[in-house]
Each structure stands twice: as C-alpha cells, then as structure tokens.
Amino acid sequence: MIKIRNGRAKSAMAVGALLSGLLGGVLAGAPSATAAVADSPCSYGAYIYNKVTNPTSYKYIPYVTGDLSNCWLDRGMSNTAVRALQKNLNSCYGYKLATDGDFGGLTESALIDVQKKVGVAADGDYGPNTRNAMVWANYSVETGARISCN
C-alpha cells in the first residue's frame, strides 16, 4: 500500500503511476515524439512511501494536488516543490544549491546540466519528461538520511 504523508494529495492512482515509473525502473531514456505536457505548476513537495516495495524509505518529490505525475516548475517559482527538486539535485547529482525553494539561475543551470546527462530537452524547465528521466533519492524513514539514488 502506498501512503502520502501530506494530506493534500487526492489521487492514489497518480501516486501509483509515479512510483511504478520511479521505483519500477521504467525511466525514460529520451523524450518521445509525443512528449508529456504538464498541466499545472508543481506546488508542494511530497514524501512518497511505498510500503510494499521498500517500507523503510521514502522519496521527496515535487507534485501538484491531485496529480503527482503531471506538473511543471520553472525559473521564478518559489515553493516547497522547488525545494524538493533542489534537494534531489544536491543529493543525487552532487550540486550544492541552497534548498531555499527559490527557482533561480543556479537551480536552472543545475537542472539544464542534469537534463543533458539524462537525455531530455535541456531547457531548464522541470516537467514530466525530466522527472521520469532523473534518479531520485531514497531516504530512511527512521533517520532521514539518504540511502541511495535510483
């Protein structure tokens, strides 16, 4: 069973789809001709738990209420979803960004570098294709320490 700690999310189906992509190893190697288009800006950072696959860890990812898989972030935004992206860029890709939740030039530059590494359009905008191609940190439920990135 999948559980979301933040009570604002309304769609367990979206969580399942996202986790199957993140945890199931189905990561996009390159964008398709019919690339996913995000509908809404990401507005929160979600602590995603998967009690079936790995009950001792969680991932902290950007999401929008009601749909974890289809949101976007870009320069100028400021919220906890940006903080989740910054934390992951630091944790899994070795950047040293301030996790202040402000999507500025340094966050954009780091994201462009990562987009080039993972083979998606390097435009500095975070959306479904970038999310699916990136690796995400797994954190210990007990200690909060990073366990791995996958």
C-alpha atoms as a PDB file:
ATOM      1  CA  MET A   1       0.000   0.000   0.000  1.00  0.00           C
ATOM      2  CA  ILE A   2       1.251   3.466  -0.884  1.00  0.00           C
ATOM      3  CA  LYS A   3       0.795   6.281   1.595  1.00  0.00           C
ATOM      4  CA  ILE A   4       1.322  10.019   1.220  1.00  0.00           C
ATOM      5  CA  ARG A   5       2.257  11.934   4.363  1.00  0.00           C
ATOM      6  CA  ASN A   6       0.949  15.244   3.051  1.00  0.00           C
ATOM      7  CA  GLY A   7      -2.847  15.064   3.284  1.00  0.00           C
ATOM      8  CA  ARG A   8      -3.413  17.410   0.319  1.00  0.00           C
ATOM      9  CA  ALA A   9      -2.912  14.782  -2.381  1.00  0.00           C
ATOM     10  CA  LYS A  10      -6.178  13.311  -3.596  1.00  0.00           C
ATOM     11  CA  SER A  11      -5.215  10.748  -6.218  1.00  0.00           C
ATOM     12  CA  ALA A  12      -3.768   7.400  -5.184  1.00  0.00           C
ATOM     13  CA  MET A  13      -3.804   6.378  -8.846  1.00  0.00           C
ATOM     14  CA  ALA A  14      -1.366   9.156  -9.709  1.00  0.00           C
ATOM     15  CA  VAL A  15       0.907   8.077  -6.864  1.00  0.00           C
ATOM     16  CA  GLY A  16       0.885   4.512  -8.157  1.00  0.00           C
ATOM     17  CA  ALA A  17       1.709   5.617 -11.686  1.00  0.00           C
ATOM     18  CA  LEU A  18       4.558   7.800 -10.492  1.00  0.00           C
ATOM     19  CA  LEU A  19       6.013   5.174  -8.181  1.00  0.00           C
ATOM     20  CA  SER A  20       5.839   2.491 -10.829  1.00  0.00           C
ATOM     21  CA  GLY A  21       7.922   4.790 -13.009  1.00  0.00           C
ATOM     22  CA  LEU A  22      10.336   5.819 -10.251  1.00  0.00           C
ATOM     23  CA  LEU A  23      10.647   2.542  -8.366  1.00  0.00           C
ATOM     24  CA  GLY A  24       9.913   0.092 -11.142  1.00  0.00           C
ATOM     25  CA  GLY A  25      12.890   1.064 -13.236  1.00  0.00           C
ATOM     26  CA  VAL A  26      10.788   2.394 -16.098  1.00  0.00           C
ATOM     27  CA  LEU A  27      12.773   5.554 -16.661  1.00  0.00           C
ATOM     28  CA  ALA A  28      12.589   7.379 -19.958  1.00  0.00           C
ATOM     29  CA  GLY A  29      15.875   7.393 -21.826  1.00  0.00           C
ATOM     30  CA  ALA A  30      14.800  10.129 -24.220  1.00  0.00           C
ATOM     31  CA  PRO A  31      11.643  12.098 -24.837  1.00  0.00           C
ATOM     32  CA  SER A  32       9.179  10.646 -27.290  1.00  0.00           C
ATOM     33  CA  ALA A  33       7.672  12.433 -30.263  1.00  0.00           C
ATOM     34  CA  THR A  34       4.509  12.806 -28.190  1.00  0.00           C
ATOM     35  CA  ALA A  35       6.205  14.269 -25.117  1.00  0.00           C
ATOM     36  CA  ALA A  36       4.109  14.644 -21.990  1.00  0.00           C
ATOM     37  CA  VAL A  37       2.841  18.142 -21.347  1.00  0.00           C
ATOM     38  CA  ALA A  38       2.339  19.252 -17.760  1.00  0.00           C
ATOM     39  CA  ASP A  39      -1.000  20.796 -16.880  1.00  0.00           C
ATOM     40  CA  SER A  40      -0.290  22.680 -13.651  1.00  0.00           C
ATOM     41  CA  PRO A  41       2.641  24.108 -11.725  1.00  0.00           C
ATOM     42  CA  CYS A  42       4.057  21.817  -9.036  1.00  0.00           C
ATOM     43  CA  SER A  43       3.054  23.336  -5.731  1.00  0.00           C
ATOM     44  CA  TYR A  44       4.233  21.010  -2.949  1.00  0.00           C
ATOM     45  CA  GLY A  45       6.974  18.576  -2.013  1.00  0.00           C
ATOM     46  CA  ALA A  46       5.564  15.126  -1.255  1.00  0.00           C
ATOM     47  CA  TYR A  47       7.024  12.418   0.962  1.00  0.00           C
ATOM     48  CA  ILE A  48       6.183   9.278  -1.005  1.00  0.00           C
ATOM     49  CA  TYR A  49       6.242   5.966   0.864  1.00  0.00           C
ATOM     50  CA  ASN A  50       5.910   2.536  -0.743  1.00  0.00           C
ATOM     51  CA  LYS A  51       5.113   0.030   1.970  1.00  0.00           C
ATOM     52  CA  VAL A  52       5.189  -2.894  -0.474  1.00  0.00           C
ATOM     53  CA  THR A  53       8.448  -2.314  -2.377  1.00  0.00           C
ATOM     54  CA  ASN A  54      10.522  -0.648   0.336  1.00  0.00           C
ATOM     55  CA  PRO A  55       8.755   0.010   3.645  1.00  0.00           C
ATOM     56  CA  THR A  56      11.811   1.636   5.239  1.00  0.00           C
ATOM     57  CA  SER A  57      12.349   4.522   2.821  1.00  0.00           C
ATOM     58  CA  TYR A  58      10.628   7.388   1.061  1.00  0.00           C
ATOM     59  CA  LYS A  59      11.230   9.779  -1.856  1.00  0.00           C
ATOM     60  CA  TYR A  60      10.703  13.553  -1.635  1.00  0.00           C
ATOM     61  CA  ILE A  61       9.416  14.814  -4.985  1.00  0.00           C
ATOM     62  CA  PRO A  62       7.610  17.832  -6.486  1.00  0.00           C
ATOM     63  CA  TYR A  63       3.868  17.369  -7.062  1.00  0.00           C
ATOM     64  CA  VAL A  64       0.605  19.197  -7.582  1.00  0.00           C
ATOM     65  CA  THR A  65      -2.526  18.338  -5.617  1.00  0.00           C
ATOM     66  CA  GLY A  66      -4.433  15.570  -7.326  1.00  0.00           C
ATOM     67  CA  ASP A  67      -1.768  14.559  -9.858  1.00  0.00           C
ATOM     68  CA  LEU A  68       1.780  13.625  -8.867  1.00  0.00           C
ATOM     69  CA  SER A  69       2.908  12.891 -12.388  1.00  0.00           C
ATOM     70  CA  ASN A  70       1.904  15.897 -14.434  1.00  0.00           C
ATOM     71  CA  CYS A  71       3.231  19.217 -13.140  1.00  0.00           C
ATOM     72  CA  TRP A  72       5.962  21.705 -14.031  1.00  0.00           C
ATOM     73  CA  LEU A  73       8.464  24.090 -12.421  1.00  0.00           C
ATOM     74  CA  ASP A  74      10.458  26.899 -13.988  1.00  0.00           C
ATOM     75  CA  ARG A  75      12.596  29.897 -13.152  1.00  0.00           C
ATOM     76  CA  GLY A  76      10.956  32.457 -10.883  1.00  0.00           C
ATOM     77  CA  MET A  77       8.823  29.979  -8.939  1.00  0.00           C
ATOM     78  CA  SER A  78       9.137  29.701  -5.167  1.00  0.00           C
ATOM     79  CA  ASN A  79       7.560  26.872  -3.140  1.00  0.00           C
ATOM     80  CA  THR A  80       8.232  23.519  -1.447  1.00  0.00           C
ATOM     81  CA  ALA A  81       8.146  21.716  -4.802  1.00  0.00           C
ATOM     82  CA  VAL A  82      11.210  23.727  -5.882  1.00  0.00           C
ATOM     83  CA  ARG A  83      12.838  22.806  -2.553  1.00  0.00           C
ATOM     84  CA  ALA A  84      12.201  19.101  -3.302  1.00  0.00           C
ATOM     85  CA  LEU A  85      13.850  19.498  -6.725  1.00  0.00           C
ATOM     86  CA  GLN A  86      16.835  21.356  -5.215  1.00  0.00           C
ATOM     87  CA  LYS A  87      17.262  18.699  -2.526  1.00  0.00           C
ATOM     88  CA  ASN A  88      17.336  15.976  -5.160  1.00  0.00           C
ATOM     89  CA  LEU A  89      19.772  17.858  -7.413  1.00  0.00           C
ATOM     90  CA  ASN A  90      22.090  18.128  -4.401  1.00  0.00           C
ATOM     91  CA  SER A  91      21.590  14.607  -3.108  1.00  0.00           C
ATOM     92  CA  CYS A  92      21.752  12.605  -6.332  1.00  0.00           C
ATOM     93  CA  TYR A  93      23.704  14.853  -8.693  1.00  0.00           C
ATOM     94  CA  GLY A  94      26.252  16.474  -6.368  1.00  0.00           C
ATOM     95  CA  TYR A  95      25.170  20.116  -6.594  1.00  0.00           C
ATOM     96  CA  LYS A  96      25.419  22.428  -3.599  1.00  0.00           C
ATOM     97  CA  LEU A  97      22.309  24.518  -4.141  1.00  0.00           C
ATOM     98  CA  ALA A  98      20.636  26.360  -1.300  1.00  0.00           C
ATOM     99  CA  THR A  99      17.422  24.444  -0.589  1.00  0.00           C
ATOM    100  CA  ASP A 100      15.515  27.700  -0.233  1.00  0.00           C
ATOM    101  CA  GLY A 101      12.634  26.838  -2.563  1.00  0.00           C
ATOM    102  CA  ASP A 102      13.505  29.651  -4.991  1.00  0.00           C
ATOM    103  CA  PHE A 103      13.964  28.554  -8.620  1.00  0.00           C
ATOM    104  CA  GLY A 104      16.706  30.973  -9.662  1.00  0.00           C
ATOM    105  CA  GLY A 105      19.636  30.924 -12.058  1.00  0.00           C
ATOM    106  CA  LEU A 106      21.713  28.366 -10.128  1.00  0.00           C
ATOM    107  CA  THR A 107      18.818  25.900  -9.908  1.00  0.00           C
ATOM    108  CA  GLU A 108      18.067  26.411 -13.605  1.00  0.00           C
ATOM    109  CA  SER A 109      21.725  25.871 -14.553  1.00  0.00           C
ATOM    110  CA  ALA A 110      21.958  22.692 -12.451  1.00  0.00           C
ATOM    111  CA  LEU A 111      18.731  21.389 -13.975  1.00  0.00           C
ATOM    112  CA  ILE A 112      19.992  22.057 -17.524  1.00  0.00           C
ATOM    113  CA  ASP A 113      23.175  20.075 -16.733  1.00  0.00           C
ATOM    114  CA  VAL A 114      21.127  17.173 -15.378  1.00  0.00           C
ATOM    115  CA  GLN A 115      18.750  17.274 -18.348  1.00  0.00           C
ATOM    116  CA  LYS A 116      21.758  16.932 -20.672  1.00  0.00           C
ATOM    117  CA  LYS A 117      23.063  13.969 -18.614  1.00  0.00           C
ATOM    118  CA  VAL A 118      19.740  12.117 -18.667  1.00  0.00           C
ATOM    119  CA  GLY A 119      18.952  12.795 -22.330  1.00  0.00           C
ATOM    120  CA  VAL A 120      15.917  15.072 -22.250  1.00  0.00           C
ATOM    121  CA  ALA A 121      15.443  18.562 -23.701  1.00  0.00           C
ATOM    122  CA  ALA A 122      17.885  20.800 -21.810  1.00  0.00           C
ATOM    123  CA  ASP A 123      15.572  23.789 -21.429  1.00  0.00           C
ATOM    124  CA  GLY A 124      15.835  24.394 -17.683  1.00  0.00           C
ATOM    125  CA  ASP A 125      12.149  23.648 -17.148  1.00  0.00           C
ATOM    126  CA  TYR A 126      11.136  20.743 -14.904  1.00  0.00           C
ATOM    127  CA  GLY A 127       8.230  18.634 -16.160  1.00  0.00           C
ATOM    128  CA  PRO A 128       7.110  15.023 -16.623  1.00  0.00           C
ATOM    129  CA  ASN A 129       9.905  14.061 -19.052  1.00  0.00           C
ATOM    130  CA  THR A 130      12.613  15.427 -16.777  1.00  0.00           C
ATOM    131  CA  ARG A 131      11.027  13.848 -13.678  1.00  0.00           C
ATOM    132  CA  ASN A 132      10.824  10.439 -15.345  1.00  0.00           C
ATOM    133  CA  ALA A 133      14.428  10.569 -16.570  1.00  0.00           C
ATOM    134  CA  MET A 134      16.012  11.746 -13.303  1.00  0.00           C
ATOM    135  CA  VAL A 135      17.053   9.460 -10.485  1.00  0.00           C
ATOM    136  CA  TRP A 136      15.503  10.269  -7.107  1.00  0.00           C
ATOM    137  CA  ALA A 137      16.904   9.878  -3.621  1.00  0.00           C
ATOM    138  CA  ASN A 138      15.571   7.284  -1.217  1.00  0.00           C
ATOM    139  CA  TYR A 139      15.624   8.482   2.399  1.00  0.00           C
ATOM    140  CA  SER A 140      15.461   6.390   5.555  1.00  0.00           C
ATOM    141  CA  VAL A 141      12.121   6.602   7.345  1.00  0.00           C
ATOM    142  CA  GLU A 142      13.939   6.106  10.644  1.00  0.00           C
ATOM    143  CA  THR A 143      16.789   8.616  10.319  1.00  0.00           C
ATOM    144  CA  GLY A 144      16.005  10.794   7.298  1.00  0.00           C
ATOM    145  CA  ALA A 145      19.454  10.017   5.852  1.00  0.00           C
ATOM    146  CA  ARG A 146      19.843   9.401   2.124  1.00  0.00           C
ATOM    147  CA  ILE A 147      20.109   5.690   1.378  1.00  0.00           C
ATOM    148  CA  SER A 148      20.549   5.684  -2.400  1.00  0.00           C
ATOM    149  CA  CYS A 149      19.511   7.305  -5.651  1.00  0.00           C
ATOM    150  CA  ASN A 150      17.563   5.374  -8.287  1.00  0.00           C
END
